[in-house]
N, C-alpha and C. Protein backbone atom coordinates (compact mmCIF):
# COMPACT_ATOMS: atom_id res chain seq x y z
N UNK A 1 0.81 -1.20 0.00
CA UNK A 1 -0.02 0.03 0.02
C UNK A 1 0.88 1.24 -0.03
N UNK A 2 0.39 2.28 -0.60
CA UNK A 2 1.09 3.55 -0.72
C UNK A 2 1.41 4.19 0.62
N UNK A 3 0.49 4.11 1.58
CA UNK A 3 0.66 4.75 2.89
C UNK A 3 1.90 4.29 3.59
N UNK A 4 2.34 3.08 3.31
CA UNK A 4 3.53 2.56 3.97
C UNK A 4 4.78 3.09 3.39
N UNK A 5 4.74 3.75 2.23
CA UNK A 5 5.93 4.25 1.60
C UNK A 5 6.29 5.68 1.98
N UNK A 6 5.42 6.38 2.73
CA UNK A 6 5.63 7.79 3.09
C UNK A 6 5.79 7.84 4.62
N UNK A 7 7.00 8.14 5.10
CA UNK A 7 7.13 8.29 6.56
C UNK A 7 6.28 9.36 7.11
N UNK A 8 5.64 9.11 8.25
CA UNK A 8 4.69 10.08 8.84
C UNK A 8 5.35 11.40 9.10
N UNK A 9 6.62 11.37 9.55
CA UNK A 9 7.28 12.66 9.90
C UNK A 9 7.49 13.51 8.66
N UNK A 10 7.65 12.92 7.47
CA UNK A 10 7.80 13.72 6.26
C UNK A 10 6.45 14.41 5.92
N UNK A 11 5.37 13.69 6.11
CA UNK A 11 4.02 14.27 5.86
C UNK A 11 3.81 15.44 6.82
N UNK A 12 4.19 15.30 8.07
CA UNK A 12 4.01 16.36 9.04
C UNK A 12 4.85 17.59 8.66
N UNK A 13 6.08 17.37 8.26
CA UNK A 13 6.97 18.47 7.85
C UNK A 13 6.34 19.20 6.67
N UNK A 14 5.84 18.47 5.71
CA UNK A 14 5.17 19.09 4.53
C UNK A 14 3.96 19.89 4.93
N UNK A 15 3.21 19.43 5.89
CA UNK A 15 2.02 20.11 6.32
C UNK A 15 2.41 21.44 6.99
N UNK A 16 3.41 21.40 7.83
CA UNK A 16 3.80 22.61 8.57
C UNK A 16 4.28 23.73 7.59
N UNK A 17 5.01 23.37 6.58
CA UNK A 17 5.65 24.37 5.74
C UNK A 17 4.80 24.83 4.53
N UNK A 18 3.76 24.11 4.22
CA UNK A 18 2.98 24.38 3.01
C UNK A 18 2.17 25.64 3.10
N UNK A 19 2.08 26.36 1.93
CA UNK A 19 1.22 27.51 1.84
C UNK A 19 -0.19 27.04 1.39
N UNK A 20 -1.16 27.92 1.37
CA UNK A 20 -2.50 27.57 0.91
C UNK A 20 -2.46 27.01 -0.48
N UNK A 21 -1.77 27.69 -1.41
CA UNK A 21 -1.67 27.26 -2.79
C UNK A 21 -0.99 25.89 -2.87
N UNK A 22 0.00 25.64 -2.10
CA UNK A 22 0.66 24.32 -2.07
C UNK A 22 -0.26 23.25 -1.54
N UNK A 23 -1.00 23.55 -0.53
CA UNK A 23 -1.99 22.58 0.04
C UNK A 23 -3.01 22.20 -1.05
N UNK A 24 -3.50 23.19 -1.73
CA UNK A 24 -4.49 22.89 -2.78
C UNK A 24 -3.88 22.09 -3.92
N UNK A 25 -2.65 22.38 -4.27
CA UNK A 25 -1.99 21.60 -5.33
C UNK A 25 -1.73 20.18 -4.87
N UNK A 26 -1.38 19.98 -3.63
CA UNK A 26 -1.16 18.64 -3.16
C UNK A 26 -2.43 17.85 -3.09
N UNK A 27 -3.54 18.53 -2.74
CA UNK A 27 -4.87 17.88 -2.74
C UNK A 27 -5.21 17.44 -4.16
N UNK A 28 -4.92 18.29 -5.12
CA UNK A 28 -5.21 17.96 -6.53
C UNK A 28 -4.37 16.81 -6.97
N UNK A 29 -3.14 16.74 -6.58
CA UNK A 29 -2.24 15.68 -6.96
C UNK A 29 -2.72 14.35 -6.36
N UNK A 30 -3.13 14.38 -5.10
CA UNK A 30 -3.63 13.20 -4.44
C UNK A 30 -4.89 12.67 -5.17
N UNK A 31 -5.79 13.59 -5.50
CA UNK A 31 -7.04 13.19 -6.22
C UNK A 31 -6.66 12.55 -7.61
N UNK A 32 -5.72 13.21 -8.27
CA UNK A 32 -5.31 12.67 -9.57
C UNK A 32 -4.67 11.30 -9.49
N UNK A 33 -3.80 11.15 -8.50
CA UNK A 33 -3.17 9.85 -8.30
C UNK A 33 -4.21 8.78 -7.89
N UNK A 34 -5.16 9.15 -7.10
CA UNK A 34 -6.23 8.20 -6.73
C UNK A 34 -7.02 7.75 -7.94
N UNK A 35 -7.20 8.63 -8.91
CA UNK A 35 -7.93 8.26 -10.11
C UNK A 35 -7.17 7.27 -10.99
N UNK A 36 -5.85 7.20 -10.78
CA UNK A 36 -5.02 6.32 -11.62
C UNK A 36 -4.75 4.95 -11.02
N UNK A 37 -4.93 4.77 -9.71
CA UNK A 37 -4.53 3.55 -9.06
C UNK A 37 -5.69 2.54 -9.14
N UNK A 38 -5.25 1.27 -9.22
CA UNK A 38 -6.24 0.15 -9.20
C UNK A 38 -6.34 -0.45 -7.79
N UNK A 39 -5.48 -0.02 -6.89
CA UNK A 39 -5.49 -0.58 -5.55
C UNK A 39 -6.48 0.26 -4.70
N UNK A 40 -7.47 -0.43 -4.16
CA UNK A 40 -8.55 0.20 -3.42
C UNK A 40 -7.99 0.88 -2.15
N UNK A 41 -7.07 0.23 -1.47
CA UNK A 41 -6.49 0.81 -0.26
C UNK A 41 -5.72 2.08 -0.56
N UNK A 42 -4.93 2.08 -1.62
CA UNK A 42 -4.22 3.27 -2.03
C UNK A 42 -5.16 4.38 -2.46
N UNK A 43 -6.21 4.03 -3.18
CA UNK A 43 -7.21 5.03 -3.59
C UNK A 43 -7.84 5.71 -2.38
N UNK A 44 -8.27 4.88 -1.41
CA UNK A 44 -8.90 5.46 -0.22
C UNK A 44 -7.94 6.35 0.53
N UNK A 45 -6.66 5.90 0.68
CA UNK A 45 -5.67 6.71 1.38
C UNK A 45 -5.49 8.05 0.67
N UNK A 46 -5.34 8.04 -0.65
CA UNK A 46 -5.07 9.23 -1.38
C UNK A 46 -6.27 10.21 -1.35
N UNK A 47 -7.46 9.68 -1.38
CA UNK A 47 -8.64 10.53 -1.21
C UNK A 47 -8.73 11.14 0.17
N UNK A 48 -8.40 10.35 1.13
CA UNK A 48 -8.36 10.84 2.51
C UNK A 48 -7.32 11.91 2.67
N UNK A 49 -6.15 11.67 2.12
CA UNK A 49 -5.05 12.67 2.20
C UNK A 49 -5.43 13.94 1.44
N UNK A 50 -6.14 13.86 0.35
CA UNK A 50 -6.62 15.00 -0.41
C UNK A 50 -7.52 15.83 0.49
N UNK A 51 -8.43 15.17 1.21
CA UNK A 51 -9.31 15.87 2.13
C UNK A 51 -8.51 16.58 3.21
N UNK A 52 -7.49 15.92 3.73
CA UNK A 52 -6.65 16.56 4.78
C UNK A 52 -5.97 17.82 4.22
N UNK A 53 -5.45 17.76 3.02
CA UNK A 53 -4.80 18.92 2.42
C UNK A 53 -5.86 20.04 2.22
N UNK A 54 -7.08 19.70 1.85
CA UNK A 54 -8.09 20.75 1.64
C UNK A 54 -8.45 21.40 2.95
N UNK A 55 -8.59 20.58 4.00
CA UNK A 55 -8.89 21.14 5.34
C UNK A 55 -7.79 22.07 5.80
N UNK A 56 -6.54 21.66 5.56
CA UNK A 56 -5.44 22.50 5.97
C UNK A 56 -5.41 23.82 5.18
N UNK A 57 -5.74 23.75 3.89
CA UNK A 57 -5.81 25.00 3.13
C UNK A 57 -6.86 25.94 3.69
N UNK A 58 -8.00 25.34 4.05
CA UNK A 58 -9.11 26.21 4.68
C UNK A 58 -8.62 26.81 5.98
N UNK A 59 -7.92 26.01 6.81
CA UNK A 59 -7.45 26.54 8.07
C UNK A 59 -6.45 27.67 7.83
N UNK A 60 -5.55 27.51 6.90
CA UNK A 60 -4.52 28.50 6.61
C UNK A 60 -5.19 29.79 6.05
N UNK A 61 -6.24 29.62 5.28
CA UNK A 61 -6.94 30.81 4.76
C UNK A 61 -7.60 31.61 5.91
N UNK A 62 -8.20 30.86 6.86
CA UNK A 62 -8.80 31.54 8.02
C UNK A 62 -7.78 32.23 8.90
N UNK A 63 -6.56 31.64 8.98
CA UNK A 63 -5.53 32.22 9.85
C UNK A 63 -4.76 33.34 9.18
N UNK A 64 -4.85 33.47 7.86
CA UNK A 64 -4.08 34.50 7.12
C UNK A 64 -4.58 35.87 7.59
N UNK A 65 -3.64 36.78 7.76
CA UNK A 65 -3.98 38.15 8.13
C UNK A 65 -4.82 38.82 7.03
N UNK A 66 -5.83 39.58 7.42
CA UNK A 66 -6.66 40.29 6.43
C UNK A 66 -5.87 41.46 5.89
N UNK A 67 -5.75 41.57 4.61
CA UNK A 67 -5.02 42.67 3.99
C UNK A 67 -5.96 43.78 3.56
N UNK A 68 -5.61 44.97 3.92
CA UNK A 68 -6.50 46.09 3.54
C UNK A 68 -6.16 46.52 2.11
N UNK A 69 -7.15 47.17 1.52
CA UNK A 69 -7.03 47.60 0.13
C UNK A 69 -6.40 49.01 0.08
N UNK A 70 -6.01 49.56 1.21
CA UNK A 70 -5.45 50.90 1.22
C UNK A 70 -4.06 51.00 0.61
């Protein structure tokens, strides 16, 4: 299964350093990879991971400072 090939600490490092745009891109990549795999376990993991990246992007958007138009 794919999940066993990615060390958890590397996923955490990526999550900490990623910007909103990077989170959305990683979610897209996970969804695309899920559409290509024939392994049901890998597909479920990739779709779950895509959801996690989307949630993180939403959290980062909420935490971003509001910029004034001035």
